[in-house]
Protein backbone atom coordinates (compact mmCIF):
# COMPACT_ATOMS: atom_id res chain seq x y z
CA UNK A 1 -13.95 -1.38 19.25
CA UNK A 2 -14.14 2.04 20.01
CA UNK A 3 -14.26 4.51 17.77
CA UNK A 4 -13.42 8.23 17.95
CA UNK A 5 -13.21 11.22 15.24
CA UNK A 6 -11.43 14.28 15.42
CA UNK A 7 -10.07 17.50 13.25
CA UNK A 8 -6.81 16.82 12.25
CA UNK A 9 -6.57 20.14 10.45
CA UNK A 10 -7.60 21.73 7.56
CA UNK A 11 -6.75 22.24 3.54
CA UNK A 12 -5.84 25.69 2.45
CA UNK A 13 -9.46 26.49 0.89
CA UNK A 14 -10.76 25.68 4.13
CA UNK A 15 -11.93 22.03 4.06
CA UNK A 16 -11.56 20.37 7.46
CA UNK A 17 -9.87 16.74 7.09
CA UNK A 18 -10.98 14.09 9.58
CA UNK A 19 -8.60 11.42 11.63
CA UNK A 20 -10.61 8.94 13.27
CA UNK A 21 -9.24 6.67 15.68
CA UNK A 22 -10.65 2.60 15.99
CA UNK A 23 -9.19 0.07 18.70
CA UNK A 24 -9.71 -3.38 19.72
CA UNK A 25 -9.79 -5.33 23.02
CA UNK A 26 -6.39 -6.94 21.88
CA UNK A 27 -4.58 -3.37 21.71
CA UNK A 28 -4.58 -2.89 18.23
CA UNK A 29 -5.23 1.00 17.24
CA UNK A 30 -5.20 2.30 13.79
CA UNK A 31 -5.91 5.60 12.76
CA UNK A 32 -6.94 6.86 8.81
CA UNK A 33 -7.92 10.37 7.71
CA UNK A 34 -10.10 12.16 4.82
CA UNK A 35 -6.87 13.05 3.17
CA UNK A 36 -6.30 10.46 1.15
CA UNK A 37 -8.31 8.12 2.51
CA UNK A 38 -4.83 7.53 4.36
CA UNK A 39 -3.75 4.96 7.17
CA UNK A 40 -1.55 7.34 8.94
CA UNK A 41 -1.09 4.97 12.47
CA UNK A 42 -1.13 1.02 13.31
CA UNK A 43 -0.19 0.40 17.11
CA UNK A 44 0.75 -3.34 17.66
CA UNK A 45 0.92 -5.12 20.78
CA UNK A 46 4.36 -7.20 20.16
CA UNK A 47 5.44 -10.85 22.09
CA UNK A 48 6.26 -8.96 25.24
CA UNK A 49 2.49 -7.22 25.33
CA UNK A 50 4.56 -3.69 24.44
CA UNK A 51 2.60 -1.40 22.49
CA UNK A 52 4.63 0.35 19.46
CA UNK A 53 3.65 2.45 16.17
CA UNK A 54 4.46 -0.40 13.52
CA UNK A 55 4.16 2.16 10.30
CA UNK A 56 5.75 5.20 8.89
CA UNK A 57 3.35 8.30 8.70
CA UNK A 58 2.99 11.85 10.19
CA UNK A 59 0.88 13.31 13.35
CA UNK A 60 -0.05 16.66 11.18
CA UNK A 61 -1.94 17.41 8.12
CA UNK A 62 1.00 20.11 7.21
CA UNK A 63 3.65 17.14 6.97
CA UNK A 64 1.45 14.96 4.09
CA UNK A 65 0.37 18.55 2.16
CA UNK A 66 4.30 19.42 2.33
CA UNK A 67 4.90 15.79 -0.08
CA UNK A 68 5.81 12.14 1.16
CA UNK A 69 6.48 9.03 -0.55
CA UNK A 70 3.00 7.77 0.40
CA UNK A 71 2.86 7.02 3.61
CA UNK A 72 -0.45 4.77 3.83
CA UNK A 73 -1.78 6.61 1.41
CA UNK A 74 -5.10 4.97 -1.10
CA UNK A 75 -3.59 5.52 -4.16
CA UNK A 76 -5.44 5.30 -7.33
CA UNK A 77 -6.78 5.75 -9.82
CA UNK A 78 -4.25 3.13 -11.49
CA UNK A 79 -1.45 2.27 -8.77
CA UNK A 80 2.53 2.22 -9.46
CA UNK A 81 3.26 2.86 -13.16
CA UNK A 82 2.69 3.46 -16.55
CA UNK A 83 5.39 3.62 -18.76
CA UNK A 84 5.33 6.88 -21.39
CA UNK A 85 2.29 8.12 -19.17
CA UNK A 86 0.21 6.85 -22.05
CA UNK A 87 -1.98 4.32 -22.81
CA UNK A 88 -4.88 3.61 -25.92
CA UNK A 89 -8.33 2.72 -24.74
CA UNK A 90 -10.94 2.13 -27.97
CA UNK A 91 -9.00 3.46 -30.52
CA UNK A 92 -8.14 6.07 -28.50
CA UNK A 93 -4.45 7.78 -27.32
CA UNK A 94 -4.64 8.64 -24.03
CA UNK A 95 -1.91 10.88 -22.67
CA UNK A 96 -1.57 11.41 -19.15
CA UNK A 97 0.25 13.74 -17.12
CA UNK A 98 3.91 12.19 -16.32
CA UNK A 99 4.93 12.59 -12.17
CA UNK A 100 7.95 10.38 -12.47
CA UNK A 101 10.19 11.21 -15.52
CA UNK A 102 7.98 10.63 -18.53
CA UNK A 103 5.90 8.21 -17.06
CA UNK A 104 3.38 8.08 -14.36
CA UNK A 105 2.95 6.85 -10.76
CA UNK A 106 0.12 6.13 -8.87
CA UNK A 107 -2.19 8.21 -10.25
CA UNK A 108 -0.30 11.39 -10.55
CA UNK A 109 0.07 14.88 -9.02
CA UNK A 110 -3.54 14.90 -8.00
CA UNK A 111 -4.56 11.21 -7.61
CA UNK A 112 -6.58 9.98 -4.82
CA UNK A 113 -3.33 10.04 -2.62
CA UNK A 114 -4.18 14.13 -2.86
CA UNK A 115 -8.20 14.33 -2.88
CA UNK A 116 -9.96 15.16 0.31
CA UNK A 117 -12.64 12.07 0.34
CA UNK A 118 -16.41 11.92 2.25
CA UNK A 119 -15.98 9.61 5.05
CA UNK A 120 -19.00 7.69 7.24
CA UNK A 121 -17.77 5.73 10.64
CA UNK A 122 -19.40 2.61 11.53
CA UNK A 123 -18.95 0.34 14.56
CA UNK A 124 -20.05 -3.34 15.43
CA UNK A 125 -19.10 -5.25 18.31
CA UNK A 126 -16.34 -7.15 16.23
CA UNK A 127 -15.49 -4.71 13.48
CA UNK A 128 -15.23 -0.63 13.36
CA UNK A 129 -13.88 1.41 10.16
CA UNK A 130 -14.59 4.27 8.16
CA UNK A 131 -16.45 4.23 4.37
CA UNK A 132 -14.41 6.46 2.67
CA UNK A 133 -15.97 8.01 -0.80
CA UNK A 134 -15.52 10.19 -3.89
CA UNK A 135 -16.49 10.67 -7.44
CA UNK A 136 -13.60 11.02 -9.88
CA UNK A 137 -14.90 13.11 -12.60
CA UNK A 138 -14.07 12.65 -16.04
CA UNK A 139 -10.66 14.00 -16.88
CA UNK A 140 -9.25 13.73 -13.50
CA UNK A 141 -5.50 13.26 -14.43
CA UNK A 142 -6.76 12.71 -17.38
CA UNK A 143 -8.33 8.93 -16.91
CA UNK A 144 -11.64 8.90 -19.16
CA UNK A 145 -14.76 8.63 -17.29
CA UNK A 146 -16.68 9.58 -14.21
CA UNK A 147 -15.32 6.83 -11.29
CA UNK A 148 -17.76 6.52 -8.33
CA UNK A 149 -15.27 5.16 -5.52
CA UNK A 150 -15.38 3.43 -2.49
CA UNK A 151 -12.78 2.28 -0.13
CA UNK A 152 -13.48 0.85 3.79
CA UNK A 153 -10.97 0.77 6.21
CA UNK A 154 -11.25 -1.10 9.48
CA UNK A 155 -9.86 -2.96 12.02
CA UNK A 156 -12.29 -6.24 13.79
CA UNK A 157 -11.55 -8.16 16.98
CA UNK A 158 -9.32 -11.17 14.81
CA UNK A 159 -6.89 -7.99 15.12
CA UNK A 160 -7.19 -7.59 11.15
CA UNK A 161 -7.10 -4.18 9.10
CA UNK A 162 -9.31 -4.95 5.66
CA UNK A 163 -9.21 -2.44 3.13
CA UNK A 164 -12.18 -3.42 0.69
CA UNK A 165 -12.27 -1.46 -2.56
CA UNK A 166 -15.13 -0.55 -4.90
CA UNK A 167 -16.13 1.52 -7.98
CA UNK A 168 -17.96 1.58 -10.83
CA UNK A 169 -17.48 4.06 -14.04
CA UNK A 170 -19.62 5.38 -16.57
CA UNK A 171 -16.72 5.20 -19.46
CA UNK A 172 -14.25 2.76 -20.11
CA UNK A 173 -11.55 3.57 -17.94
CA UNK A 174 -8.68 1.57 -16.14
CA UNK A 175 -8.75 1.02 -11.98
CA UNK A 176 -5.91 -0.45 -10.34
CA UNK A 177 -6.30 0.71 -6.35
CA UNK A 178 -4.01 -0.59 -3.05
CA UNK A 179 -2.99 1.00 -0.06
CA UNK A 180 0.79 2.19 0.05
CA UNK A 181 1.54 1.32 4.23
CA UNK A 182 5.32 1.38 5.13
CA UNK A 183 5.69 -1.35 7.65
CA UNK A 184 8.18 -2.21 10.32
CA UNK A 185 7.08 -4.95 12.57
CA UNK A 186 10.08 -4.16 15.31
CA UNK A 187 8.44 -0.62 15.76
CA UNK A 188 8.94 2.38 13.50
CA UNK A 189 12.72 3.19 13.90
CA UNK A 190 12.49 6.87 14.04
CA UNK A 191 10.73 6.14 17.33
CA UNK A 192 12.47 3.38 19.11
CA UNK A 193 16.33 3.31 20.09
CA UNK A 194 18.44 2.90 17.53
CA UNK A 195 20.32 -0.06 18.74
CA UNK A 196 17.16 -1.80 18.06
CA UNK A 197 17.12 -0.85 13.90
CA UNK A 198 19.26 -4.13 13.50
CA UNK A 199 21.92 -2.15 11.03
CA UNK A 200 23.30 -4.51 8.77
CA UNK A 201 21.98 -5.69 5.24
CA UNK A 202 18.74 -4.72 4.60
CA UNK A 203 18.53 -2.06 8.03
CA UNK A 204 15.89 -1.78 9.99
CA UNK A 205 14.12 -4.59 7.97
CA UNK A 206 17.14 -6.96 7.14
CA UNK A 207 15.94 -9.10 10.24
CA UNK A 208 12.27 -9.43 9.02
CA UNK A 209 11.66 -12.68 7.80
CA UNK A 210 9.59 -12.82 4.40
CA UNK A 211 7.50 -15.20 2.26
CA UNK A 212 5.51 -14.56 -1.16
CA UNK A 213 3.96 -17.31 -2.29
CA UNK A 214 5.16 -16.38 -6.59
CA UNK A 215 7.26 -18.34 -8.50
CA UNK A 216 7.66 -15.40 -10.87
CA UNK A 217 7.96 -11.65 -11.28
CA UNK A 218 7.39 -8.87 -13.64
CA UNK A 219 10.92 -7.99 -15.27
CA UNK A 220 11.41 -4.20 -15.71
CA UNK A 221 13.76 -1.62 -16.84
CA UNK A 222 15.76 0.96 -14.95
CA UNK A 223 12.65 2.99 -14.72
CA UNK A 224 10.72 0.19 -12.86
CA UNK A 225 8.68 -0.26 -16.47
CA UNK A 226 8.13 -3.83 -17.32
CA UNK A 227 9.56 -5.11 -20.59
CA UNK A 228 6.16 -7.33 -20.90
CA UNK A 229 8.26 -10.40 -19.89
CA UNK A 230 7.48 -12.43 -16.89
CA UNK A 231 10.60 -14.50 -14.76
CA UNK A 232 10.87 -17.03 -13.01
CA UNK A 233 12.38 -16.27 -8.93
CA UNK A 234 14.02 -19.44 -8.77
CA UNK A 235 17.79 -19.53 -7.98
CA UNK A 236 17.51 -15.88 -7.56
CA UNK A 237 17.72 -12.74 -4.78
CA UNK A 238 13.61 -12.31 -5.31
CA UNK A 239 13.11 -15.84 -4.44
CA UNK A 240 10.82 -15.66 -1.09
CA UNK A 241 8.83 -18.73 -1.71
CA UNK A 242 10.18 -19.86 1.56
CA UNK A 243 10.56 -17.70 4.46
CA UNK A 244 14.12 -15.67 4.48
CA UNK A 245 15.16 -12.81 6.36
CA UNK A 246 14.88 -9.76 4.06
CA UNK A 247 18.75 -8.89 4.35
CA UNK A 248 19.98 -12.08 3.68
CA UNK A 249 20.07 -11.51 -0.25
CA UNK A 250 19.42 -7.95 -0.64
CA UNK A 251 22.64 -6.76 -1.52
CA UNK A 252 22.29 -9.16 -4.40
CA UNK A 253 19.17 -6.97 -5.32
CA UNK A 254 20.60 -3.95 -7.33
CA UNK A 255 18.93 -1.10 -5.27
CA UNK A 256 17.06 -3.08 -3.16
CA UNK A 257 13.73 -4.45 -3.99
CA UNK A 258 10.81 -2.84 -5.71
CA UNK A 259 9.36 -5.64 -7.61
CA UNK A 260 6.06 -7.02 -8.49
CA UNK A 261 5.40 -10.66 -7.75
CA UNK A 262 2.95 -12.45 -9.44
CA UNK A 263 1.02 -14.82 -7.48
CA UNK A 264 0.33 -18.29 -7.97
CA UNK A 265 -1.52 -19.72 -7.59
CA UNK A 266 -3.79 -17.67 -9.37
CA UNK A 267 -6.23 -15.65 -7.00
CA UNK A 268 -9.73 -14.64 -7.38
CA UNK A 269 -11.49 -11.44 -6.41
CA UNK A 270 -13.84 -13.50 -4.14
CA UNK A 271 -11.64 -15.74 -2.29
CA UNK A 272 -8.34 -13.34 -0.26
CA UNK A 273 -5.69 -16.32 -0.20
CA UNK A 274 -2.17 -15.36 1.50
CA UNK A 275 -0.15 -13.06 -0.68
CA UNK A 276 2.72 -12.32 2.03
CA UNK A 277 4.00 -13.21 5.06
CA UNK A 278 6.30 -11.15 7.73
CA UNK A 279 7.71 -12.02 10.47
CA UNK A 280 10.04 -9.86 13.12
CA UNK A 281 11.52 -12.74 15.22
CA UNK A 282 12.70 -9.98 18.16
CA UNK A 283 9.43 -8.09 18.61
CA UNK A 284 7.46 -11.33 17.96
CA UNK A 285 5.46 -9.65 15.54
CA UNK A 286 3.29 -11.19 12.35
CA UNK A 287 1.48 -10.24 9.58
CA UNK A 288 -0.40 -12.10 7.15
CA UNK A 289 -1.25 -10.05 3.86
CA UNK A 290 -4.34 -11.71 1.93
CA UNK A 291 -5.56 -10.58 -1.64
CA UNK A 292 -7.76 -11.60 -4.39
CA UNK A 293 -5.49 -9.24 -6.31
CA UNK A 294 -3.03 -11.37 -9.19
CA UNK A 295 0.27 -9.41 -7.85
CA UNK A 296 1.76 -7.98 -5.01
CA UNK A 297 4.49 -4.99 -5.40
CA UNK A 298 6.93 -5.58 -2.15
CA UNK A 299 9.28 -2.44 -1.72
CA UNK A 300 11.96 -2.39 0.77
CA UNK A 301 12.17 1.25 1.36
CA UNK A 302 14.70 1.94 -1.04
CA UNK A 303 13.79 6.12 -2.03
CA UNK A 304 13.77 6.87 2.30
CA UNK A 305 17.07 8.19 3.08
CA UNK A 306 16.15 11.95 3.90
CA UNK A 307 12.53 12.18 4.15
CA UNK A 308 11.48 13.42 7.24
CA UNK A 309 10.00 11.08 10.21
CA UNK A 310 7.55 11.55 12.53
CA UNK A 311 9.84 12.06 15.45
CA UNK A 312 11.43 15.09 12.86
CA UNK A 313 14.26 12.93 12.13
CA UNK A 314 15.33 11.70 8.55
CA UNK A 315 14.80 7.89 7.74
CA UNK A 316 17.46 5.99 6.83
CA UNK A 317 17.61 3.37 3.72
CA UNK A 318 15.53 0.10 3.88
CA UNK A 319 13.64 1.97 7.74
CA UNK A 320 10.06 0.03 6.76
CA UNK A 321 9.00 -2.60 4.22
CA UNK A 322 5.62 -2.14 1.65
CA UNK A 323 3.79 -5.06 0.74
CA UNK A 324 0.79 -3.53 -1.68
CA UNK A 325 -1.46 -6.09 -3.73
CA UNK A 326 -2.73 -4.68 -6.83
CA UNK A 327 -3.12 -5.76 -10.40
CA UNK A 328 0.64 -6.17 -12.56
CA UNK A 329 2.67 -2.61 -13.34
CA UNK A 330 1.03 -1.04 -16.59
CA UNK A 331 -1.21 -3.42 -17.37
CA UNK A 332 -2.85 -0.66 -19.50
CA UNK A 333 0.10 -1.63 -22.63
CA UNK A 334 0.06 -5.30 -22.26
CA UNK A 335 -2.74 -6.94 -23.08
CA UNK A 336 -1.29 -10.43 -21.94
CA UNK A 337 -1.41 -9.18 -18.07
CA UNK A 338 -5.31 -9.37 -16.15
CA UNK A 339 -7.19 -6.43 -17.46
CA UNK A 340 -7.63 -3.28 -15.42
CA UNK A 341 -10.21 -1.67 -17.52
CA UNK A 342 -13.26 -1.26 -15.62
CA UNK A 343 -16.71 -1.03 -18.37
CA UNK A 344 -19.81 0.83 -17.48
CA UNK A 345 -22.00 -1.55 -15.72
CA UNK A 346 -19.25 -3.79 -14.53
CA UNK A 347 -17.98 -3.47 -10.75
CA UNK A 348 -14.14 -3.19 -9.46
CA UNK A 349 -14.35 -5.15 -6.18
CA UNK A 350 -11.36 -5.99 -3.99
CA UNK A 351 -10.68 -7.09 -0.37
CA UNK A 352 -7.57 -6.84 0.96
CA UNK A 353 -6.57 -8.29 4.82
CA UNK A 354 -3.51 -7.26 6.57
CA UNK A 355 -3.73 -10.06 9.69
CA UNK A 356 -1.49 -9.49 13.20
CA UNK A 357 -0.57 -11.96 15.42
CA UNK A 358 2.69 -12.65 17.95
CA UNK A 359 4.77 -15.53 17.44
CA UNK A 360 5.63 -17.60 21.06
């Protein structure tokens, strides 16, 4: 394992942002930075041995500060959406700042993705990474309680990228943490020739094959807020219980995919089980997503068009996909969903693994 650190830039107040580069003996290399505890790069070998960038992101801090669609960000205090940017807790109505119409998305404008974290790198024979820490003060983005958060991002000799989440609070508060990496296993489409981007239904991710072992998903309204109903996927474009190309049914999924699949059988925090498997047949890259969380959001990059890329040209529709293990969307407003309220004395502790390999 190798690990180096360098200055990535500085905030307007002079706070330094550090980037860490971690590599293993198989040629996998990841980079993560203290701004947003962000995974900014993953380079991985394909079937032919060629190593390519497989995530979306930037090589300059200025591009992140200018605004981006959560490329590789650690998002919280509550990821995904909170309907009406409000919820009730302990008999008190709590109003949050809205940043997506009337709703809160990914913890608000000043969420965890937009904060500089303390960091401590570590290196061992079979694993190296960075422990990111910060204290989210009482009232930050409207959330009650002081929350102490640790997110560990690491790479192993088994070609796994691990995200370990831990949080403790001094008051009851909602917590739902995930990472928002954008993946294209064929190679980041802004960095490879257009002829390899597989145009057609589903764009550059259309030929990726996806399996999500979930029989149900959350029904949402036009603002992607749950209705409270849990729907079966059988017989719909949202059925990924068997491996299929993402492009096969995407034109029958209005707007593309951006929904929360309820994992079944239920997972437990102590045991990471398969939440999704993605294969890209030309490059031969394969990614398994394992988690102890009860749901996974699959997003097909529906809002990417026009977003500036690492190579300074706009991304296109469906240029990448996200698979974000998490608790259910807007769980604070639905008592039938698994609770995301963390109480004093409890520990929020979850682990997600992205395991890579190549197909023959």
